[in-house]
C-alpha atoms as a PDB file:
ATOM      1  CA  MET A   1     -52.161 -29.158 -36.460  1.00  0.00           C
ATOM      2  CA  LEU A   2     -54.528 -26.298 -36.131  1.00  0.00           C
ATOM      3  CA  VAL A   3     -56.861 -28.160 -38.372  1.00  0.00           C
ATOM      4  CA  ALA A   4     -56.277 -31.217 -36.626  1.00  0.00           C
ATOM      5  CA  ILE A   5     -57.174 -29.506 -33.505  1.00  0.00           C
ATOM      6  CA  VAL A   6     -60.427 -27.709 -35.278  1.00  0.00           C
ATOM      7  CA  THR A   7     -61.216 -31.539 -36.448  1.00  0.00           C
ATOM      8  CA  MET A   8     -61.297 -32.784 -32.877  1.00  0.00           C
ATOM      9  CA  ALA A   9     -63.554 -29.853 -31.709  1.00  0.00           C
ATOM     10  CA  ILE A  10     -65.912 -30.264 -34.501  1.00  0.00           C
ATOM     11  CA  LEU A  11     -65.924 -33.958 -33.976  1.00  0.00           C
ATOM     12  CA  TYR A  12     -66.627 -33.687 -30.558  1.00  0.00           C
ATOM     13  CA  LYS A  13     -69.187 -31.264 -31.233  1.00  0.00           C
ATOM     14  CA  ASN A  14     -70.856 -33.476 -33.391  1.00  0.00           C
ATOM     15  CA  GLN A  15     -71.224 -36.303 -30.300  1.00  0.00           C
ATOM     16  CA  VAL A  16     -72.186 -34.074 -27.644  1.00  0.00           C
ATOM     17  CA  GLY A  17     -73.803 -30.838 -28.840  1.00  0.00           C
ATOM     18  CA  HIS A  18     -71.300 -28.243 -27.925  1.00  0.00           C
ATOM     19  CA  LEU A  19     -67.675 -27.363 -28.820  1.00  0.00           C
ATOM     20  CA  SER A  20     -64.903 -28.483 -26.548  1.00  0.00           C
ATOM     21  CA  TRP A  21     -61.115 -27.845 -26.451  1.00  0.00           C
ATOM     22  CA  SER A  22     -60.062 -29.900 -23.948  1.00  0.00           C
ATOM     23  CA  TRP A  23     -57.701 -32.879 -24.296  1.00  0.00           C
ATOM     24  CA  PHE A  24     -59.898 -34.763 -21.631  1.00  0.00           C
ATOM     25  CA  ASP A  25     -62.995 -34.604 -22.960  1.00  0.00           C
ATOM     26  CA  TRP A  26     -61.058 -35.644 -26.076  1.00  0.00           C
ATOM     27  CA  GLN A  27     -59.644 -38.352 -24.556  1.00  0.00           C
ATOM     28  CA  GLN A  28     -63.371 -39.709 -23.560  1.00  0.00           C
ATOM     29  CA  MET A  29     -65.164 -39.282 -26.822  1.00  0.00           C
ATOM     30  CA  ALA A  30     -65.768 -41.982 -29.000  1.00  0.00           C
ATOM     31  CA  LYS A  31     -63.438 -41.905 -32.226  1.00  0.00           C
ATOM     32  CA  PRO A  32     -64.524 -42.935 -35.719  1.00  0.00           C
ATOM     33  CA  ASN A  33     -61.542 -44.813 -37.437  1.00  0.00           C
ATOM     34  CA  ALA A  34     -61.989 -43.112 -40.494  1.00  0.00           C
ATOM     35  CA  TRP A  35     -60.977 -39.809 -39.291  1.00  0.00           C
ATOM     36  CA  MET A  36     -58.480 -40.957 -36.666  1.00  0.00           C
ATOM     37  CA  PHE A  37     -55.520 -41.476 -38.558  1.00  0.00           C
ATOM     38  CA  TYR A  38     -55.556 -38.420 -40.425  1.00  0.00           C
ATOM     39  CA  ILE A  39     -55.713 -36.219 -37.706  1.00  0.00           C
ATOM     40  CA  MET A  40     -53.297 -38.039 -35.377  1.00  0.00           C
ATOM     41  CA  LEU A  41     -51.247 -37.408 -38.411  1.00  0.00           C
ATOM     42  CA  GLY A  42     -51.536 -33.780 -38.321  1.00  0.00           C
ATOM     43  CA  PHE A  43     -50.396 -33.730 -34.781  1.00  0.00           C
ATOM     44  CA  PHE A  44     -47.504 -36.173 -35.428  1.00  0.00           C
ATOM     45  CA  ILE A  45     -46.217 -34.081 -38.042  1.00  0.00           C
ATOM     46  CA  ALA A  46     -46.336 -30.543 -35.980  1.00  0.00           C
ATOM     47  CA  PHE A  47     -44.521 -32.460 -32.967  1.00  0.00           C
ATOM     48  CA  ALA A  48     -42.087 -34.100 -35.699  1.00  0.00           C
ATOM     49  CA  VAL A  49     -40.921 -30.668 -36.497  1.00  0.00           C
ATOM     50  CA  LYS A  50     -40.572 -29.333 -32.967  1.00  0.00           C
ATOM     51  CA  LEU A  51     -38.550 -32.675 -31.719  1.00  0.00           C
ATOM     52  CA  PRO A  52     -37.187 -32.128 -34.508  1.00  0.00           C
ATOM     53  CA  SER A  53     -37.274 -35.272 -36.866  1.00  0.00           C
ATOM     54  CA  VAL A  54     -36.077 -36.321 -40.611  1.00  0.00           C
ATOM     55  CA  PRO A  55     -37.183 -34.788 -42.741  1.00  0.00           C
ATOM     56  CA  VAL A  56     -38.159 -32.042 -41.001  1.00  0.00           C
ATOM     57  CA  HIS A  57     -35.111 -31.216 -38.961  1.00  0.00           C
ATOM     58  CA  SER A  58     -33.226 -28.518 -41.048  1.00  0.00           C
ATOM     59  CA  TRP A  59     -34.208 -25.336 -39.290  1.00  0.00           C
ATOM     60  CA  LEU A  60     -32.680 -26.596 -35.913  1.00  0.00           C
ATOM     61  CA  PRO A  61     -28.810 -26.344 -36.956  1.00  0.00           C
ATOM     62  CA  ASP A  62     -29.465 -22.627 -38.447  1.00  0.00           C
ATOM     63  CA  ALA A  63     -31.459 -21.777 -35.143  1.00  0.00           C
ATOM     64  CA  HIS A  64     -28.669 -22.605 -33.021  1.00  0.00           C
ATOM     65  CA  THR A  65     -25.770 -21.149 -35.073  1.00  0.00           C
ATOM     66  CA  GLN A  66     -28.055 -17.686 -35.268  1.00  0.00           C
ATOM     67  CA  ALA A  67     -29.149 -17.772 -31.225  1.00  0.00           C
ATOM     68  CA  PRO A  68     -26.958 -16.518 -28.499  1.00  0.00           C
ATOM     69  CA  THR A  69     -25.949 -19.096 -25.887  1.00  0.00           C
ATOM     70  CA  ALA A  70     -28.784 -18.484 -23.505  1.00  0.00           C
ATOM     71  CA  GLY A  71     -31.234 -19.175 -26.694  1.00  0.00           C
ATOM     72  CA  SER A  72     -29.485 -22.461 -27.316  1.00  0.00           C
ATOM     73  CA  VAL A  73     -29.618 -23.852 -23.930  1.00  0.00           C
ATOM     74  CA  LEU A  74     -33.216 -23.173 -23.817  1.00  0.00           C
ATOM     75  CA  LEU A  75     -34.310 -24.412 -27.320  1.00  0.00           C
ATOM     76  CA  ALA A  76     -32.226 -27.643 -26.550  1.00  0.00           C
ATOM     77  CA  GLY A  77     -33.072 -28.004 -22.996  1.00  0.00           C
ATOM     78  CA  ILE A  78     -36.781 -27.179 -22.793  1.00  0.00           C
ATOM     79  CA  LEU A  79     -38.086 -26.527 -25.915  1.00  0.00           C
ATOM     80  CA  LEU A  80     -37.049 -29.622 -27.940  1.00  0.00           C
ATOM     81  CA  LYS A  81     -38.556 -31.747 -25.400  1.00  0.00           C
ATOM     82  CA  THR A  82     -42.138 -30.256 -25.951  1.00  0.00           C
ATOM     83  CA  GLY A  83     -42.367 -32.041 -29.143  1.00  0.00           C
ATOM     84  CA  ALA A  84     -41.304 -35.331 -27.500  1.00  0.00           C
ATOM     85  CA  TYR A  85     -43.913 -34.338 -24.765  1.00  0.00           C
ATOM     86  CA  GLY A  86     -46.759 -33.624 -27.312  1.00  0.00           C
ATOM     87  CA  LEU A  87     -46.277 -37.218 -29.010  1.00  0.00           C
ATOM     88  CA  ILE A  88     -46.793 -39.222 -25.941  1.00  0.00           C
ATOM     89  CA  ARG A  89     -49.512 -36.445 -24.637  1.00  0.00           C
ATOM     90  CA  PHE A  90     -51.634 -36.362 -27.771  1.00  0.00           C
ATOM     91  CA  VAL A  91     -50.405 -38.679 -30.642  1.00  0.00           C
ATOM     92  CA  ILE A  92     -49.977 -41.701 -28.550  1.00  0.00           C
ATOM     93  CA  GLN A  93     -52.750 -41.139 -25.373  1.00  0.00           C
ATOM     94  CA  LEU A  94     -55.559 -39.377 -27.745  1.00  0.00           C
ATOM     95  CA  PHE A  95     -55.275 -41.785 -30.970  1.00  0.00           C
ATOM     96  CA  PRO A  96     -53.494 -44.945 -29.761  1.00  0.00           C
ATOM     97  CA  ASP A  97     -54.647 -47.158 -32.274  1.00  0.00           C
ATOM     98  CA  ALA A  98     -53.965 -44.764 -34.908  1.00  0.00           C
ATOM     99  CA  ALA A  99     -50.310 -44.460 -33.534  1.00  0.00           C
ATOM    100  CA  LYS A 100     -49.900 -48.328 -33.598  1.00  0.00           C
ATOM    101  CA  SER A 101     -51.035 -48.438 -37.340  1.00  0.00           C
ATOM    102  CA  PHE A 102     -48.086 -45.613 -38.087  1.00  0.00           C
ATOM    103  CA  ALA A 103     -45.448 -46.608 -35.221  1.00  0.00           C
ATOM    104  CA  TYR A 104     -43.399 -48.889 -38.127  1.00  0.00           C
ATOM    105  CA  VAL A 105     -43.094 -45.297 -40.262  1.00  0.00           C
ATOM    106  CA  ALA A 106     -42.251 -43.107 -36.828  1.00  0.00           C
ATOM    107  CA  MET A 107     -39.630 -45.834 -36.034  1.00  0.00           C
ATOM    108  CA  THR A 108     -37.753 -45.634 -39.311  1.00  0.00           C
ATOM    109  CA  LEU A 109     -37.960 -42.164 -39.174  1.00  0.00           C
ATOM    110  CA  GLY A 110     -36.579 -42.233 -35.476  1.00  0.00           C
ATOM    111  CA  ALA A 111     -33.847 -44.633 -36.891  1.00  0.00           C
ATOM    112  CA  ILE A 112     -33.033 -42.461 -39.766  1.00  0.00           C
ATOM    113  CA  SER A 113     -32.790 -39.508 -37.486  1.00  0.00           C
ATOM    114  CA  VAL A 114     -30.082 -41.286 -35.114  1.00  0.00           C
ATOM    115  CA  LEU A 115     -27.761 -42.302 -38.475  1.00  0.00           C
ATOM    116  CA  TYR A 116     -28.207 -38.876 -39.947  1.00  0.00           C
ATOM    117  CA  GLY A 117     -27.645 -36.716 -37.061  1.00  0.00           C
ATOM    118  CA  ALA A 118     -24.236 -38.690 -36.047  1.00  0.00           C
ATOM    119  CA  LYS A 119     -23.158 -38.849 -39.573  1.00  0.00           C
ATOM    120  CA  LEU A 120     -23.754 -34.825 -40.371  1.00  0.00           C
ATOM    121  CA  ALA A 121     -22.585 -34.068 -36.495  1.00  0.00           C
ATOM    122  CA  PHE A 122     -19.028 -35.583 -37.384  1.00  0.00           C
ATOM    123  CA  ALA A 123     -18.523 -33.712 -40.614  1.00  0.00           C
ATOM    124  CA  GLN A 124     -19.353 -29.932 -38.770  1.00  0.00           C
ATOM    125  CA  GLN A 125     -16.835 -27.528 -38.416  1.00  0.00           C
ATOM    126  CA  ASP A 126     -18.594 -25.042 -36.250  1.00  0.00           C
ATOM    127  CA  PHE A 127     -19.181 -26.347 -32.459  1.00  0.00           C
ATOM    128  CA  LYS A 128     -22.675 -25.502 -32.417  1.00  0.00           C
ATOM    129  CA  ARG A 129     -23.547 -27.009 -35.427  1.00  0.00           C
ATOM    130  CA  LEU A 130     -22.289 -30.668 -34.375  1.00  0.00           C
ATOM    131  CA  VAL A 131     -23.960 -30.005 -31.016  1.00  0.00           C
ATOM    132  CA  ALA A 132     -27.090 -29.006 -33.062  1.00  0.00           C
ATOM    133  CA  TYR A 133     -26.991 -32.321 -35.334  1.00  0.00           C
ATOM    134  CA  SER A 134     -26.444 -34.592 -32.326  1.00  0.00           C
ATOM    135  CA  SER A 135     -29.299 -33.516 -30.616  1.00  0.00           C
ATOM    136  CA  ILE A 136     -31.189 -34.439 -34.074  1.00  0.00           C
ATOM    137  CA  SER A 137     -29.719 -38.061 -33.199  1.00  0.00           C
ATOM    138  CA  HIS A 138     -30.695 -37.976 -29.757  1.00  0.00           C
ATOM    139  CA  MET A 139     -33.798 -37.246 -30.119  1.00  0.00           C
ATOM    140  CA  GLY A 140     -34.180 -39.775 -32.814  1.00  0.00           C
ATOM    141  CA  PHE A 141     -33.513 -42.062 -29.918  1.00  0.00           C
ATOM    142  CA  VAL A 142     -37.061 -40.764 -28.195  1.00  0.00           C
ATOM    143  CA  MET A 143     -38.871 -40.895 -31.170  1.00  0.00           C
ATOM    144  CA  MET A 144     -38.225 -44.866 -31.730  1.00  0.00           C
ATOM    145  CA  ALA A 145     -38.922 -44.915 -28.039  1.00  0.00           C
ATOM    146  CA  ILE A 146     -42.129 -43.455 -27.800  1.00  0.00           C
ATOM    147  CA  PHE A 147     -43.533 -45.506 -30.893  1.00  0.00           C
ATOM    148  CA  ALA A 148     -42.209 -48.902 -29.439  1.00  0.00           C
ATOM    149  CA  PHE A 149     -45.401 -49.189 -27.033  1.00  0.00           C
ATOM    150  CA  ASN A 150     -43.455 -50.766 -24.308  1.00  0.00           C
ATOM    151  CA  VAL A 151     -42.357 -49.462 -20.211  1.00  0.00           C
ATOM    152  CA  ASN A 152     -38.623 -50.159 -20.907  1.00  0.00           C
ATOM    153  CA  ALA A 153     -38.949 -47.859 -24.072  1.00  0.00           C
ATOM    154  CA  TYR A 154     -40.650 -45.168 -22.120  1.00  0.00           C
ATOM    155  CA  GLN A 155     -38.595 -44.939 -19.180  1.00  0.00           C
ATOM    156  CA  GLY A 156     -35.719 -44.665 -21.949  1.00  0.00           C
ATOM    157  CA  ALA A 157     -37.779 -41.815 -23.850  1.00  0.00           C
ATOM    158  CA  ILE A 158     -37.958 -39.643 -20.177  1.00  0.00           C
ATOM    159  CA  ILE A 159     -34.365 -40.084 -19.322  1.00  0.00           C
ATOM    160  CA  THR A 160     -32.980 -39.460 -22.487  1.00  0.00           C
ATOM    161  CA  MET A 161     -35.265 -36.516 -22.648  1.00  0.00           C
ATOM    162  CA  ILE A 162     -33.795 -34.943 -19.198  1.00  0.00           C
ATOM    163  CA  ALA A 163     -30.329 -35.953 -19.925  1.00  0.00           C
ATOM    164  CA  HIS A 164     -29.613 -34.731 -23.268  1.00  0.00           C
ATOM    165  CA  GLY A 165     -31.148 -31.880 -22.060  1.00  0.00           C
ATOM    166  CA  LEU A 166     -28.793 -30.954 -19.324  1.00  0.00           C
ATOM    167  CA  SER A 167     -25.825 -32.337 -21.498  1.00  0.00           C
ATOM    168  CA  SER A 168     -27.065 -30.439 -24.844  1.00  0.00           C
ATOM    169  CA  ALA A 169     -27.234 -27.014 -22.869  1.00  0.00           C
ATOM    170  CA  ALA A 170     -23.974 -27.600 -20.896  1.00  0.00           C
ATOM    171  CA  LEU A 171     -22.268 -28.088 -24.413  1.00  0.00           C
ATOM    172  CA  PHE A 172     -23.927 -24.937 -25.789  1.00  0.00           C
ATOM    173  CA  CYS A 173     -22.483 -23.369 -22.639  1.00  0.00           C
ATOM    174  CA  LEU A 174     -18.714 -24.410 -23.297  1.00  0.00           C
ATOM    175  CA  ALA A 175     -19.410 -22.922 -27.195  1.00  0.00           C
ATOM    176  CA  GLY A 176     -20.151 -19.705 -25.682  1.00  0.00           C
ATOM    177  CA  MET A 177     -17.587 -19.696 -23.089  1.00  0.00           C
ATOM    178  CA  ILE A 178     -14.669 -20.841 -25.708  1.00  0.00           C
ATOM    179  CA  TYR A 179     -16.648 -18.242 -27.855  1.00  0.00           C
ATOM    180  CA  GLN A 180     -16.208 -15.396 -25.397  1.00  0.00           C
ATOM    181  CA  ARG A 181     -12.413 -16.046 -25.394  1.00  0.00           C
ATOM    182  CA  ILE A 182     -11.503 -16.589 -28.993  1.00  0.00           C
ATOM    183  CA  HIS A 183     -14.612 -15.259 -30.978  1.00  0.00           C
ATOM    184  CA  SER A 184     -14.558 -18.153 -33.061  1.00  0.00           C
ATOM    185  CA  ARG A 185     -16.547 -21.613 -33.128  1.00  0.00           C
ATOM    186  CA  GLN A 186     -14.825 -23.141 -36.280  1.00  0.00           C
ATOM    187  CA  LEU A 187     -13.002 -26.196 -34.492  1.00  0.00           C
ATOM    188  CA  ASN A 188     -10.070 -25.678 -37.161  1.00  0.00           C
ATOM    189  CA  ASN A 189      -9.354 -22.466 -34.905  1.00  0.00           C
ATOM    190  CA  MET A 190      -9.088 -24.211 -31.679  1.00  0.00           C
ATOM    191  CA  GLY A 191      -6.705 -26.620 -30.512  1.00  0.00           C
ATOM    192  CA  GLY A 192      -4.541 -27.271 -27.462  1.00  0.00           C
ATOM    193  CA  PHE A 193      -6.650 -25.776 -24.845  1.00  0.00           C
ATOM    194  CA  TRP A 194      -5.710 -28.590 -22.031  1.00  0.00           C
ATOM    195  CA  GLN A 195      -2.219 -26.577 -21.747  1.00  0.00           C
ATOM    196  CA  SER A 196      -3.614 -23.179 -20.719  1.00  0.00           C
ATOM    197  CA  ALA A 197      -7.169 -24.609 -19.149  1.00  0.00           C
ATOM    198  CA  PRO A 198      -6.641 -27.524 -17.615  1.00  0.00           C
ATOM    199  CA  PHE A 199     -10.022 -27.324 -15.642  1.00  0.00           C
ATOM    200  CA  PHE A 200     -11.842 -26.218 -18.534  1.00  0.00           C
ATOM    201  CA  ALA A 201     -10.652 -29.078 -20.603  1.00  0.00           C
ATOM    202  CA  GLY A 202     -11.360 -31.807 -17.937  1.00  0.00           C
ATOM    203  CA  LEU A 203     -15.422 -30.520 -17.037  1.00  0.00           C
ATOM    204  CA  SER A 204     -15.443 -30.664 -21.168  1.00  0.00           C
ATOM    205  CA  LEU A 205     -14.090 -34.107 -21.299  1.00  0.00           C
ATOM    206  CA  MET A 206     -17.162 -34.841 -19.090  1.00  0.00           C
ATOM    207  CA  LEU A 207     -19.745 -33.631 -20.532  1.00  0.00           C
ATOM    208  CA  VAL A 208     -18.546 -35.061 -24.108  1.00  0.00           C
ATOM    209  CA  ALA A 209     -18.221 -38.388 -22.453  1.00  0.00           C
ATOM    210  CA  ALA A 210     -21.982 -37.905 -21.062  1.00  0.00           C
ATOM    211  CA  ALA A 211     -23.159 -36.771 -24.366  1.00  0.00           C
ATOM    212  CA  THR A 212     -21.555 -39.506 -26.286  1.00  0.00           C
ATOM    213  CA  GLY A 213     -23.369 -42.094 -24.004  1.00  0.00           C
ATOM    214  CA  LEU A 214     -20.426 -43.317 -21.783  1.00  0.00           C
ATOM    215  CA  PRO A 215     -21.695 -45.777 -18.796  1.00  0.00           C
ATOM    216  CA  GLY A 216     -21.958 -43.804 -15.656  1.00  0.00           C
ATOM    217  CA  PHE A 217     -23.752 -40.841 -17.099  1.00  0.00           C
ATOM    218  CA  ALA A 218     -27.914 -40.816 -17.273  1.00  0.00           C
ATOM    219  CA  ASN A 219     -27.284 -40.457 -21.377  1.00  0.00           C
ATOM    220  CA  PHE A 220     -26.357 -44.060 -21.251  1.00  0.00           C
ATOM    221  CA  ILE A 221     -29.410 -45.255 -19.104  1.00  0.00           C
ATOM    222  CA  GLY A 222     -31.694 -43.483 -21.586  1.00  0.00           C
ATOM    223  CA  GLU A 223     -30.394 -44.907 -24.734  1.00  0.00           C
ATOM    224  CA  PHE A 224     -29.719 -48.335 -23.164  1.00  0.00           C
ATOM    225  CA  TYR A 225     -33.636 -48.285 -21.984  1.00  0.00           C
ATOM    226  CA  SER A 226     -34.975 -47.073 -25.119  1.00  0.00           C
ATOM    227  CA  LEU A 227     -32.740 -49.618 -27.295  1.00  0.00           C
ATOM    228  CA  VAL A 228     -33.769 -52.598 -24.952  1.00  0.00           C
ATOM    229  CA  GLY A 229     -37.887 -51.600 -25.398  1.00  0.00           C
ATOM    230  CA  VAL A 230     -37.141 -50.798 -29.449  1.00  0.00           C
ATOM    231  CA  PHE A 231     -35.342 -54.445 -29.857  1.00  0.00           C
ATOM    232  CA  SER A 232     -38.175 -56.360 -28.422  1.00  0.00           C
ATOM    233  CA  LYS A 233     -40.280 -55.062 -31.139  1.00  0.00           C
ATOM    234  CA  TYR A 234     -38.022 -53.718 -33.957  1.00  0.00           C
ATOM    235  CA  PRO A 235     -34.576 -55.375 -33.711  1.00  0.00           C
ATOM    236  CA  ILE A 236     -33.436 -54.012 -37.028  1.00  0.00           C
ATOM    237  CA  HIS A 237     -34.077 -50.488 -36.023  1.00  0.00           C
ATOM    238  CA  ALA A 238     -32.767 -50.898 -32.699  1.00  0.00           C
ATOM    239  CA  THR A 239     -29.361 -52.253 -34.408  1.00  0.00           C
ATOM    240  CA  ALA A 240     -29.183 -49.424 -36.669  1.00  0.00           C
ATOM    241  CA  ALA A 241     -29.904 -47.330 -33.478  1.00  0.00           C
ATOM    242  CA  ALA A 242     -26.843 -48.983 -31.609  1.00  0.00           C
ATOM    243  CA  MET A 243     -24.443 -48.653 -34.844  1.00  0.00           C
ATOM    244  CA  ALA A 244     -24.847 -44.639 -34.056  1.00  0.00           C
ATOM    245  CA  ILE A 245     -23.684 -44.860 -30.638  1.00  0.00           C
ATOM    246  CA  ILE A 246     -20.319 -45.582 -31.849  1.00  0.00           C
ATOM    247  CA  GLY A 247     -20.756 -42.507 -34.388  1.00  0.00           C
ATOM    248  CA  SER A 248     -21.429 -40.623 -31.782  1.00  0.00           C
ATOM    249  CA  ALA A 249     -18.387 -41.651 -29.621  1.00  0.00           C
ATOM    250  CA  VAL A 250     -16.840 -40.467 -32.706  1.00  0.00           C
ATOM    251  CA  TYR A 251     -17.710 -37.137 -33.205  1.00  0.00           C
ATOM    252  CA  GLY A 252     -17.565 -36.910 -29.276  1.00  0.00           C
ATOM    253  CA  ILE A 253     -13.715 -37.634 -29.971  1.00  0.00           C
ATOM    254  CA  ARG A 254     -13.126 -35.363 -32.658  1.00  0.00           C
ATOM    255  CA  LEU A 255     -14.619 -32.229 -30.875  1.00  0.00           C
ATOM    256  CA  PHE A 256     -12.781 -32.635 -28.027  1.00  0.00           C
ATOM    257  CA  GLN A 257      -9.686 -33.549 -29.543  1.00  0.00           C
ATOM    258  CA  SER A 258      -9.934 -30.706 -31.766  1.00  0.00           C
ATOM    259  CA  THR A 259     -10.518 -28.347 -28.858  1.00  0.00           C
ATOM    260  CA  PHE A 260      -8.151 -28.905 -26.204  1.00  0.00           C
ATOM    261  CA  HIS A 261      -5.528 -31.437 -27.536  1.00  0.00           C
ATOM    262  CA  GLY A 262      -2.924 -30.638 -30.842  1.00  0.00           C
ATOM    263  CA  PRO A 263      -0.747 -27.635 -31.229  1.00  0.00           C
ATOM    264  CA  SER A 264      -1.987 -24.508 -28.922  1.00  0.00           C
ATOM    265  CA  THR A 265      -3.636 -21.968 -31.096  1.00  0.00           C
ATOM    266  CA  HIS A 266      -4.875 -19.518 -28.614  1.00  0.00           C
ATOM    267  CA  VAL A 267      -3.851 -19.092 -24.529  1.00  0.00           C
ATOM    268  CA  ILE A 268      -7.238 -18.957 -22.738  1.00  0.00           C
ATOM    269  CA  SER A 269      -8.190 -18.253 -19.483  1.00  0.00           C
ATOM    270  CA  ASP A 270      -9.702 -21.318 -16.822  1.00  0.00           C
ATOM    271  CA  LEU A 271     -12.836 -21.604 -16.002  1.00  0.00           C
ATOM    272  CA  THR A 272     -14.404 -18.704 -13.564  1.00  0.00           C
ATOM    273  CA  VAL A 273     -16.447 -19.032 -10.639  1.00  0.00           C
ATOM    274  CA  ARG A 274     -19.365 -18.147 -12.499  1.00  0.00           C
ATOM    275  CA  GLU A 275     -18.691 -20.549 -15.216  1.00  0.00           C
ATOM    276  CA  TRP A 276     -17.933 -23.394 -12.518  1.00  0.00           C
ATOM    277  CA  LEU A 277     -21.398 -22.625 -10.787  1.00  0.00           C
ATOM    278  CA  ILE A 278     -22.874 -23.129 -14.458  1.00  0.00           C
ATOM    279  CA  LEU A 279     -21.247 -26.102 -15.574  1.00  0.00           C
ATOM    280  CA  LEU A 280     -20.731 -27.877 -12.303  1.00  0.00           C
ATOM    281  CA  PRO A 281     -24.339 -28.714 -11.216  1.00  0.00           C
ATOM    282  CA  LEU A 282     -25.060 -30.121 -15.061  1.00  0.00           C
ATOM    283  CA  ILE A 283     -22.308 -32.657 -14.285  1.00  0.00           C
ATOM    284  CA  LEU A 284     -23.598 -33.882 -11.340  1.00  0.00           C
ATOM    285  CA  LEU A 285     -26.896 -34.262 -12.237  1.00  0.00           C
ATOM    286  CA  LEU A 286     -25.689 -36.390 -15.187  1.00  0.00           C
ATOM    287  CA  VAL A 287     -23.711 -38.618 -12.879  1.00  0.00           C
ATOM    288  CA  VAL A 288     -26.432 -38.911 -10.336  1.00  0.00           C
ATOM    289  CA  LEU A 289     -28.854 -39.854 -12.660  1.00  0.00           C
ATOM    290  CA  GLY A 290     -26.604 -42.280 -14.251  1.00  0.00           C
ATOM    291  CA  LEU A 291     -25.303 -44.019 -11.214  1.00  0.00           C
ATOM    292  CA  TRP A 292     -28.883 -43.847  -9.872  1.00  0.00           C
ATOM    293  CA  PRO A 293     -31.836 -43.904 -12.089  1.00  0.00           C
ATOM    294  CA  ASN A 294     -34.431 -45.013  -9.862  1.00  0.00           C
ATOM    295  CA  ILE A 295     -34.819 -41.431  -8.682  1.00  0.00           C
ATOM    296  CA  LEU A 296     -36.542 -40.816 -12.299  1.00  0.00           C
ATOM    297  CA  LEU A 297     -37.814 -44.459 -12.765  1.00  0.00           C
ATOM    298  CA  ASN A 298     -39.742 -44.882  -9.190  1.00  0.00           C
ATOM    299  CA  LEU A 299     -41.080 -41.375  -9.599  1.00  0.00           C
ATOM    300  CA  GLY A 300     -44.091 -43.490 -11.439  1.00  0.00           C
ATOM    301  CA  PHE A 301     -45.146 -41.217 -14.113  1.00  0.00           C
ATOM    302  CA  VAL A 302     -43.979 -43.544 -16.646  1.00  0.00           C
ATOM    303  CA  GLY A 303     -46.505 -45.941 -16.357  1.00  0.00           C
ATOM    304  CA  GLY A 304     -48.972 -43.588 -16.526  1.00  0.00           C
ATOM    305  CA  VAL A 305     -47.899 -43.169 -20.884  1.00  0.00           C
END
């Protein structure tokens, strides 16, 4: 991306006579088509790594596995979204023509990310790695929605970013709370927690339902709008992504069943007041945005994308 930034600054200097690093100046400049595709590609690769998207995604599961709970919450809730913001703000808005010519490739990468992330999530034994691969799948929806170039898809992308930030942050908090109790994140070391911690299990069930896109939660609204927007231009990609929603339900059920059902492996304490105060607001926000998405849609910021 640094090469792309410097190239844009030099092109601006050649046109105007002085250097500028301002996004607003770059948006107004004349853009020679011979250069724009390659500069756009430089920005795209950088933000695709941050999103992350297949095939530049492999850093995320390891990062989540090694990070403390607070680090995983920050990474999933905020930092990944800078990749999506960068795609919208720089790739789409600075290079609209080049981005449209690249849309099919980006859409394909997004669909692969959705399917690949869901498949790998199902295969994981580590709680945090499972959530990390599910993040790759969910951010694939965002990639597809961004490059669909219509309002429904952009609305879906924004809602999915917010919903994923809330639900994945809550799931990483769950992983940390379980680790504090049994000192393991391996699903095969868990089971039967519902018997000793029913409130913990109940809130966890709601969070897993939200993360897998159950209607009534914000994740469902984001994925629905994204698929509607994508289907109007790329029906095959949208159909493939819709199949991955079934996969997300499968790994979500597996996660909950492995953790809270089956033979009791540990007797754990139920939620503390501090843990209630962490999880309950996240669940309430997911429900409120799922039932009243117009809270976000009526803000009007999506139309300016």
